[in-house]
């Protein structure tokens, strides 16, 4: 029998979301743990994408500032 791979440790926001989803599941009376797992995977993917886009935005800002500094110093030399 194959075992499932161990899950990553969750951060406090994921733990809170998991608790809220458990409450919703109990209220609905549905025992669909696969849904909760699927939703948590989507949340993790979106979190990783947010971090990646934030890093790309930071890099873009750094390049823009470097180019602005470079062009500002060149225009000052020609005067």
PDB file of N, CA and C in Angstrom:
ATOM      1  N   UNK A   1       0.845  -1.175   0.000  1.00  0.00           N
ATOM      2  CA  UNK A   1       0.000   0.000   0.000  1.00  0.00           C
ATOM      3  C   UNK A   1       0.892   1.240   0.000  1.00  0.00           C
ATOM      4  N   UNK A   2       0.624   2.171  -0.891  1.00  0.00           N
ATOM      5  CA  UNK A   2       1.435   3.389  -0.966  1.00  0.00           C
ATOM      6  C   UNK A   2       0.921   4.415   0.036  1.00  0.00           C
ATOM      7  N   UNK A   3       1.864   5.104   0.630  1.00  0.00           N
ATOM      8  CA  UNK A   3       1.514   6.136   1.600  1.00  0.00           C
ATOM      9  C   UNK A   3       1.557   7.495   0.929  1.00  0.00           C
ATOM     10  N   UNK A   4       0.747   8.403   1.435  1.00  0.00           N
ATOM     11  CA  UNK A   4       0.747   9.768   0.926  1.00  0.00           C
ATOM     12  C   UNK A   4       2.015  10.474   1.392  1.00  0.00           C
ATOM     13  N   UNK A   5       2.549  11.381   0.577  1.00  0.00           N
ATOM     14  CA  UNK A   5       3.738  12.120   1.011  1.00  0.00           C
ATOM     15  C   UNK A   5       3.388  13.020   2.187  1.00  0.00           C
ATOM     16  N   UNK A   6       4.347  13.275   3.062  1.00  0.00           N
ATOM     17  CA  UNK A   6       4.049  14.152   4.206  1.00  0.00           C
ATOM     18  C   UNK A   6       3.745  15.560   3.725  1.00  0.00           C
ATOM     19  N   UNK A   7       2.787  16.188   4.394  1.00  0.00           N
ATOM     20  CA  UNK A   7       2.405  17.548   4.014  1.00  0.00           C
ATOM     21  C   UNK A   7       3.376  18.549   4.622  1.00  0.00           C
ATOM     22  N   UNK A   8       3.480  19.690   3.948  1.00  0.00           N
ATOM     23  CA  UNK A   8       4.299  20.782   4.466  1.00  0.00           C
ATOM     24  C   UNK A   8       3.699  21.287   5.772  1.00  0.00           C
ATOM     25  N   UNK A   9       4.532  21.813   6.666  1.00  0.00           N
ATOM     26  CA  UNK A   9       3.967  22.446   7.860  1.00  0.00           C
ATOM     27  C   UNK A   9       3.180  23.687   7.449  1.00  0.00           C
ATOM     28  N   UNK A  10       2.104  23.934   8.140  1.00  0.00           N
ATOM     29  CA  UNK A  10       1.249  25.064   7.776  1.00  0.00           C
ATOM     30  C   UNK A  10       1.619  26.293   8.597  1.00  0.00           C
ATOM     31  N   UNK A  11       1.374  27.450   8.004  1.00  0.00           N
ATOM     32  CA  UNK A  11       1.612  28.694   8.732  1.00  0.00           C
ATOM     33  C   UNK A  11       0.333  29.066   9.487  1.00  0.00           C
ATOM     34  N   UNK A  12       0.367  30.073  10.355  1.00  0.00           N
ATOM     35  CA  UNK A  12      -0.818  30.424  11.145  1.00  0.00           C
ATOM     36  C   UNK A  12      -2.046  30.770  10.302  1.00  0.00           C
ATOM     37  N   UNK A  13      -1.850  31.421   9.166  1.00  0.00           N
ATOM     38  CA  UNK A  13      -2.999  31.769   8.318  1.00  0.00           C
ATOM     39  C   UNK A  13      -3.650  30.510   7.756  1.00  0.00           C
ATOM     40  N   UNK A  14      -2.836  29.541   7.347  1.00  0.00           N
ATOM     41  CA  UNK A  14      -3.384  28.287   6.824  1.00  0.00           C
ATOM     42  C   UNK A  14      -4.085  27.502   7.927  1.00  0.00           C
ATOM     43  N   UNK A  15      -3.544  27.549   9.140  1.00  0.00           N
ATOM     44  CA  UNK A  15      -4.191  26.860  10.253  1.00  0.00           C
ATOM     45  C   UNK A  15      -5.556  27.474  10.542  1.00  0.00           C
ATOM     46  N   UNK A  16      -5.629  28.802  10.512  1.00  0.00           N
ATOM     47  CA  UNK A  16      -6.908  29.489  10.752  1.00  0.00           C
ATOM     48  C   UNK A  16      -7.908  29.136   9.661  1.00  0.00           C
ATOM     49  N   UNK A  17      -7.454  29.128   8.409  1.00  0.00           N
ATOM     50  CA  UNK A  17      -8.334  28.765   7.307  1.00  0.00           C
ATOM     51  C   UNK A  17      -8.823  27.335   7.456  1.00  0.00           C
ATOM     52  N   UNK A  18      -7.939  26.454   7.869  1.00  0.00           N
ATOM     53  CA  UNK A  18      -8.313  25.058   8.059  1.00  0.00           C
ATOM     54  C   UNK A  18      -9.385  24.929   9.138  1.00  0.00           C
ATOM     55  N   UNK A  19      -9.234  25.690  10.228  1.00  0.00           N
ATOM     56  CA  UNK A  19     -10.246  25.660  11.286  1.00  0.00           C
ATOM     57  C   UNK A  19     -11.595  26.168  10.777  1.00  0.00           C
ATOM     58  N   UNK A  20     -11.570  27.254  10.015  1.00  0.00           N
ATOM     59  CA  UNK A  20     -12.821  27.795   9.474  1.00  0.00           C
ATOM     60  C   UNK A  20     -13.485  26.813   8.516  1.00  0.00           C
ATOM     61  N   UNK A  21     -12.673  26.150   7.692  1.00  0.00           N
ATOM     62  CA  UNK A  21     -13.227  25.164   6.765  1.00  0.00           C
ATOM     63  C   UNK A  21     -13.808  23.967   7.509  1.00  0.00           C
ATOM     64  N   UNK A  22     -13.166  23.571   8.596  1.00  0.00           N
ATOM     65  CA  UNK A  22     -13.695  22.465   9.399  1.00  0.00           C
ATOM     66  C   UNK A  22     -15.054  22.835   9.990  1.00  0.00           C
ATOM     67  N   UNK A  23     -15.184  24.080  10.468  1.00  0.00           N
ATOM     68  CA  UNK A  23     -16.471  24.530  11.001  1.00  0.00           C
ATOM     69  C   UNK A  23     -17.545  24.506   9.916  1.00  0.00           C
ATOM     70  N   UNK A  24     -17.204  24.978   8.725  1.00  0.00           N
ATOM     71  CA  UNK A  24     -18.168  24.958   7.620  1.00  0.00           C
ATOM     72  C   UNK A  24     -18.561  23.532   7.258  1.00  0.00           C
ATOM     73  N   UNK A  25     -17.588  22.634   7.275  1.00  0.00           N
ATOM     74  CA  UNK A  25     -17.862  21.242   6.936  1.00  0.00           C
ATOM     75  C   UNK A  25     -18.815  20.627   7.954  1.00  0.00           C
ATOM     76  N   UNK A  26     -18.581  20.919   9.234  1.00  0.00           N
ATOM     77  CA  UNK A  26     -19.456  20.373  10.274  1.00  0.00           C
ATOM     78  C   UNK A  26     -20.872  20.934  10.143  1.00  0.00           C
ATOM     79  N   UNK A  27     -20.982  22.216   9.822  1.00  0.00           N
ATOM     80  CA  UNK A  27     -22.304  22.828   9.670  1.00  0.00           C
ATOM     81  C   UNK A  27     -23.056  22.217   8.500  1.00  0.00           C
ATOM     82  N   UNK A  28     -22.360  21.922   7.433  1.00  0.00           N
ATOM     83  CA  UNK A  28     -23.008  21.354   6.250  1.00  0.00           C
ATOM     84  C   UNK A  28     -23.299  19.875   6.433  1.00  0.00           C
ATOM     85  N   UNK A  29     -22.626  19.221   7.371  1.00  0.00           N
ATOM     86  CA  UNK A  29     -22.848  17.805   7.596  1.00  0.00           C
ATOM     87  C   UNK A  29     -22.218  16.933   6.528  1.00  0.00           C
ATOM     88  N   UNK A  30     -21.358  17.492   5.720  1.00  0.00           N
ATOM     89  CA  UNK A  30     -20.725  16.748   4.631  1.00  0.00           C
ATOM     90  C   UNK A  30     -19.329  16.328   5.073  1.00  0.00           C
ATOM     91  N   UNK A  31     -18.959  15.087   4.768  1.00  0.00           N
ATOM     92  CA  UNK A  31     -17.639  14.581   5.154  1.00  0.00           C
ATOM     93  C   UNK A  31     -16.739  14.541   3.930  1.00  0.00           C
ATOM     94  N   UNK A  32     -16.439  15.705   3.384  1.00  0.00           N
ATOM     95  CA  UNK A  32     -15.647  15.774   2.163  1.00  0.00           C
ATOM     96  C   UNK A  32     -14.265  16.347   2.473  1.00  0.00           C
ATOM     97  N   UNK A  33     -13.406  15.523   3.033  1.00  0.00           N
ATOM     98  CA  UNK A  33     -12.057  15.971   3.375  1.00  0.00           C
ATOM     99  C   UNK A  33     -11.235  16.246   2.121  1.00  0.00           C
ATOM    100  N   UNK A  34     -11.565  15.601   1.021  1.00  0.00           N
ATOM    101  CA  UNK A  34     -10.843  15.841  -0.232  1.00  0.00           C
ATOM    102  C   UNK A  34     -11.030  17.291  -0.676  1.00  0.00           C
ATOM    103  N   UNK A  35     -12.232  17.830  -0.453  1.00  0.00           N
ATOM    104  CA  UNK A  35     -12.495  19.222  -0.811  1.00  0.00           C
ATOM    105  C   UNK A  35     -11.601  20.165  -0.008  1.00  0.00           C
ATOM    106  N   UNK A  36     -11.500  19.921   1.286  1.00  0.00           N
ATOM    107  CA  UNK A  36     -10.670  20.766   2.142  1.00  0.00           C
ATOM    108  C   UNK A  36      -9.215  20.678   1.701  1.00  0.00           C
ATOM    109  N   UNK A  37      -8.738  19.470   1.416  1.00  0.00           N
ATOM    110  CA  UNK A  37      -7.361  19.301   0.960  1.00  0.00           C
ATOM    111  C   UNK A  37      -7.110  20.011  -0.351  1.00  0.00           C
ATOM    112  N   UNK A  38      -8.069  19.896  -1.264  1.00  0.00           N
ATOM    113  CA  UNK A  38      -7.941  20.558  -2.562  1.00  0.00           C
ATOM    114  C   UNK A  38      -7.907  22.073  -2.395  1.00  0.00           C
ATOM    115  N   UNK A  39      -8.773  22.580  -1.560  1.00  0.00           N
ATOM    116  CA  UNK A  39      -8.820  24.018  -1.326  1.00  0.00           C
ATOM    117  C   UNK A  39      -7.522  24.513  -0.693  1.00  0.00           C
ATOM    118  N   UNK A  40      -6.977  23.755   0.237  1.00  0.00           N
ATOM    119  CA  UNK A  40      -5.718  24.142   0.870  1.00  0.00           C
ATOM    120  C   UNK A  40      -4.574  24.145  -0.139  1.00  0.00           C
ATOM    121  N   UNK A  41      -4.579  23.193  -1.067  1.00  0.00           N
ATOM    122  CA  UNK A  41      -3.544  23.187  -2.106  1.00  0.00           C
ATOM    123  C   UNK A  41      -3.645  24.444  -2.960  1.00  0.00           C
ATOM    124  N   UNK A  42      -4.878  24.834  -3.306  1.00  0.00           N
ATOM    125  CA  UNK A  42      -5.068  26.054  -4.099  1.00  0.00           C
ATOM    126  C   UNK A  42      -4.586  27.286  -3.327  1.00  0.00           C
ATOM    127  N   UNK A  43      -4.860  27.324  -2.043  1.00  0.00           N
ATOM    128  CA  UNK A  43      -4.418  28.451  -1.218  1.00  0.00           C
ATOM    129  C   UNK A  43      -2.898  28.515  -1.196  1.00  0.00           C
ATOM    130  N   UNK A  44      -2.252  27.370  -1.057  1.00  0.00           N
ATOM    131  CA  UNK A  44      -0.785  27.348  -1.030  1.00  0.00           C
ATOM    132  C   UNK A  44      -0.203  27.802  -2.364  1.00  0.00           C
ATOM    133  N   UNK A  45      -0.792  27.347  -3.463  1.00  0.00           N
ATOM    134  CA  UNK A  45      -0.300  27.753  -4.787  1.00  0.00           C
ATOM    135  C   UNK A  45      -0.459  29.259  -4.960  1.00  0.00           C
ATOM    136  N   UNK A  46      -1.609  29.787  -4.559  1.00  0.00           N
ATOM    137  CA  UNK A  46      -1.827  31.226  -4.684  1.00  0.00           C
ATOM    138  C   UNK A  46      -0.858  32.007  -3.802  1.00  0.00           C
ATOM    139  N   UNK A  47      -0.549  31.477  -2.633  1.00  0.00           N
ATOM    140  CA  UNK A  47       0.409  32.131  -1.750  1.00  0.00           C
ATOM    141  C   UNK A  47       1.797  32.158  -2.384  1.00  0.00           C
ATOM    142  N   UNK A  48       2.206  31.045  -2.984  1.00  0.00           N
ATOM    143  CA  UNK A  48       3.501  31.003  -3.662  1.00  0.00           C
ATOM    144  C   UNK A  48       3.534  31.962  -4.847  1.00  0.00           C
ATOM    145  N   UNK A  49       2.439  32.030  -5.603  1.00  0.00           N
ATOM    146  CA  UNK A  49       2.381  32.956  -6.734  1.00  0.00           C
ATOM    147  C   UNK A  49       2.463  34.406  -6.266  1.00  0.00           C
ATOM    148  N   UNK A  50       1.800  34.702  -5.162  1.00  0.00           N
ATOM    149  CA  UNK A  50       1.853  36.059  -4.622  1.00  0.00           C
ATOM    150  C   UNK A  50       3.283  36.428  -4.238  1.00  0.00           C
ATOM    151  N   UNK A  51       3.990  35.499  -3.588  1.00  0.00           N
ATOM    152  CA  UNK A  51       5.378  35.759  -3.210  1.00  0.00           C
ATOM    153  C   UNK A  51       6.257  35.939  -4.444  1.00  0.00           C
ATOM    154  N   UNK A  52       6.035  35.109  -5.459  1.00  0.00           N
ATOM    155  CA  UNK A  52       6.818  35.206  -6.689  1.00  0.00           C
ATOM    156  C   UNK A  52       6.575  36.543  -7.387  1.00  0.00           C
ATOM    157  N   UNK A  53       5.316  36.930  -7.512  1.00  0.00           N
ATOM    158  CA  UNK A  53       4.998  38.202  -8.159  1.00  0.00           C
ATOM    159  C   UNK A  53       5.541  39.385  -7.362  1.00  0.00           C
ATOM    160  N   UNK A  54       5.539  39.270  -6.056  1.00  0.00           N
ATOM    161  CA  UNK A  54       6.109  40.327  -5.226  1.00  0.00           C
ATOM    162  C   UNK A  54       7.609  40.451  -5.475  1.00  0.00           C
ATOM    163  N   UNK A  55       8.292  39.320  -5.602  1.00  0.00           N
ATOM    164  CA  UNK A  55       9.734  39.344  -5.884  1.00  0.00           C
ATOM    165  C   UNK A  55      10.011  39.931  -7.265  1.00  0.00           C
ATOM    166  N   UNK A  56       9.204  39.563  -8.249  1.00  0.00           N
ATOM    167  CA  UNK A  56       9.375  40.106  -9.602  1.00  0.00           C
ATOM    168  C   UNK A  56       9.124  41.612  -9.588  1.00  0.00           C
ATOM    169  N   UNK A  57       8.130  42.046  -8.849  1.00  0.00           N
ATOM    170  CA  UNK A  57       7.855  43.476  -8.735  1.00  0.00           C
ATOM    171  C   UNK A  57       9.008  44.224  -8.087  1.00  0.00           C
ATOM    172  N   UNK A  58       9.591  43.642  -7.053  1.00  0.00           N
ATOM    173  CA  UNK A  58      10.746  44.261  -6.403  1.00  0.00           C
ATOM    174  C   UNK A  58      11.939  44.362  -7.330  1.00  0.00           C
ATOM    175  N   UNK A  59      12.173  43.309  -8.096  1.00  0.00           N
ATOM    176  CA  UNK A  59      13.273  43.320  -9.060  1.00  0.00           C
ATOM    177  C   UNK A  59      13.035  44.370 -10.144  1.00  0.00           C
ATOM    178  N   UNK A  60      11.808  44.454 -10.627  1.00  0.00           N
ATOM    179  CA  UNK A  60      11.463  45.448 -11.645  1.00  0.00           C
ATOM    180  C   UNK A  60      11.677  46.863 -11.116  1.00  0.00           C
ATOM    181  N   UNK A  61      11.278  47.096  -9.891  1.00  0.00           N
ATOM    182  CA  UNK A  61      11.469  48.413  -9.285  1.00  0.00           C
ATOM    183  C   UNK A  61      12.954  48.742  -9.158  1.00  0.00           C
ATOM    184  N   UNK A  62      13.759  47.767  -8.753  1.00  0.00           N
ATOM    185  CA  UNK A  62      15.198  48.003  -8.617  1.00  0.00           C
ATOM    186  C   UNK A  62      15.834  48.326  -9.970  1.00  0.00           C
ATOM    187  N   UNK A  63      15.438  47.613 -11.017  1.00  0.00           N
ATOM    188  CA  UNK A  63      15.972  47.881 -12.357  1.00  0.00           C
ATOM    189  C   UNK A  63      15.544  49.265 -12.826  1.00  0.00           C
ATOM    190  N   UNK A  64      14.292  49.621 -12.583  1.00  0.00           N
ATOM    191  CA  UNK A  64      13.793  50.937 -12.995  1.00  0.00           C
ATOM    192  C   UNK A  64      14.559  52.051 -12.295  1.00  0.00           C
ATOM    193  N   UNK A  65      14.782  51.897 -11.001  1.00  0.00           N
ATOM    194  CA  UNK A  65      15.517  52.920 -10.261  1.00  0.00           C
ATOM    195  C   UNK A  65      16.968  53.011 -10.725  1.00  0.00           C
ATOM    196  N   UNK A  66      17.578  51.871 -11.027  1.00  0.00           N
ATOM    197  CA  UNK A  66      18.963  51.883 -11.522  1.00  0.00           C
ATOM    198  C   UNK A  66      19.044  52.586 -12.871  1.00  0.00           C
ATOM    199  N   UNK A  67      18.085  52.307 -13.754  1.00  0.00           N
ATOM    200  CA  UNK A  67      18.072  52.967 -15.062  1.00  0.00           C
ATOM    201  C   UNK A  67      17.823  54.466 -14.922  1.00  0.00           C
ATOM    202  N   UNK A  68      16.925  54.845 -14.030  1.00  0.00           N
ATOM    203  CA  UNK A  68      16.654  56.270 -13.816  1.00  0.00           C
ATOM    204  C   UNK A  68      17.897  56.970 -13.286  1.00  0.00           C
ATOM    205  N   UNK A  69      18.606  56.328 -12.388  1.00  0.00           N
ATOM    206  CA  UNK A  69      19.834  56.906 -11.852  1.00  0.00           C
ATOM    207  C   UNK A  69      20.900  57.014 -12.935  1.00  0.00           C
ATOM    208  N   UNK A  70      21.011  56.001 -13.759  1.00  0.00           N
ATOM    209  CA  UNK A  70      21.998  55.992 -14.840  1.00  0.00           C
ATOM    210  C   UNK A  70      21.710  57.099 -15.845  1.00  0.00           C
ATOM    211  N   UNK A  71      20.455  57.218 -16.282  1.00  0.00           N
ATOM    212  CA  UNK A  71      20.114  58.245 -17.263  1.00  0.00           C
ATOM    213  C   UNK A  71      20.187  59.646 -16.662  1.00  0.00           C
ATOM    214  N   UNK A  72      19.874  59.788 -15.394  1.00  0.00           N
ATOM    215  CA  UNK A  72      19.970  61.100 -14.749  1.00  0.00           C
ATOM    216  C   UNK A  72      21.423  61.542 -14.667  1.00  0.00           C
ATOM    217  N   UNK A  73      22.332  60.622 -14.379  1.00  0.00           N
ATOM    218  CA  UNK A  73      23.749  60.997 -14.290  1.00  0.00           C
ATOM    219  C   UNK A  73      24.317  61.292 -15.670  1.00  0.00           C
ATOM    220  N   UNK A  74      23.868  60.610 -16.699  1.00  0.00           N
ATOM    221  CA  UNK A  74      24.343  60.879 -18.065  1.00  0.00           C
ATOM    222  C   UNK A  74      23.854  62.233 -18.559  1.00  0.00           C
ATOM    223  N   UNK A  75      22.610  62.569 -18.265  1.00  0.00           N
ATOM    224  CA  UNK A  75      22.099  63.858 -18.727  1.00  0.00           C
ATOM    225  C   UNK A  75      22.795  65.000 -17.994  1.00  0.00           C
ATOM    226  N   UNK A  76      23.244  64.779 -16.776  1.00  0.00           N
ATOM    227  CA  UNK A  76      23.976  65.795 -16.029  1.00  0.00           C
ATOM    228  C   UNK A  76      25.371  66.011 -16.571  1.00  0.00           C
ATOM    229  N   UNK A  77      25.981  64.997 -17.164  1.00  0.00           N
ATOM    230  CA  UNK A  77      27.325  65.116 -17.720  1.00  0.00           C
ATOM    231  C   UNK A  77      27.336  65.947 -18.998  1.00  0.00           C
ATOM    232  N   UNK A  78      26.257  65.908 -19.767  1.00  0.00           N
ATOM    233  CA  UNK A  78      26.200  66.598 -21.055  1.00  0.00           C
ATOM    234  C   UNK A  78      25.949  68.094 -20.905  1.00  0.00           C
ATOM    235  N   UNK A  79      25.563  68.568 -19.773  1.00  0.00           N
ATOM    236  CA  UNK A  79      25.226  69.985 -19.593  1.00  0.00           C
ATOM    237  C   UNK A  79      26.414  70.822 -19.354  1.00  0.00           C
TER     238      UNK A  79
END
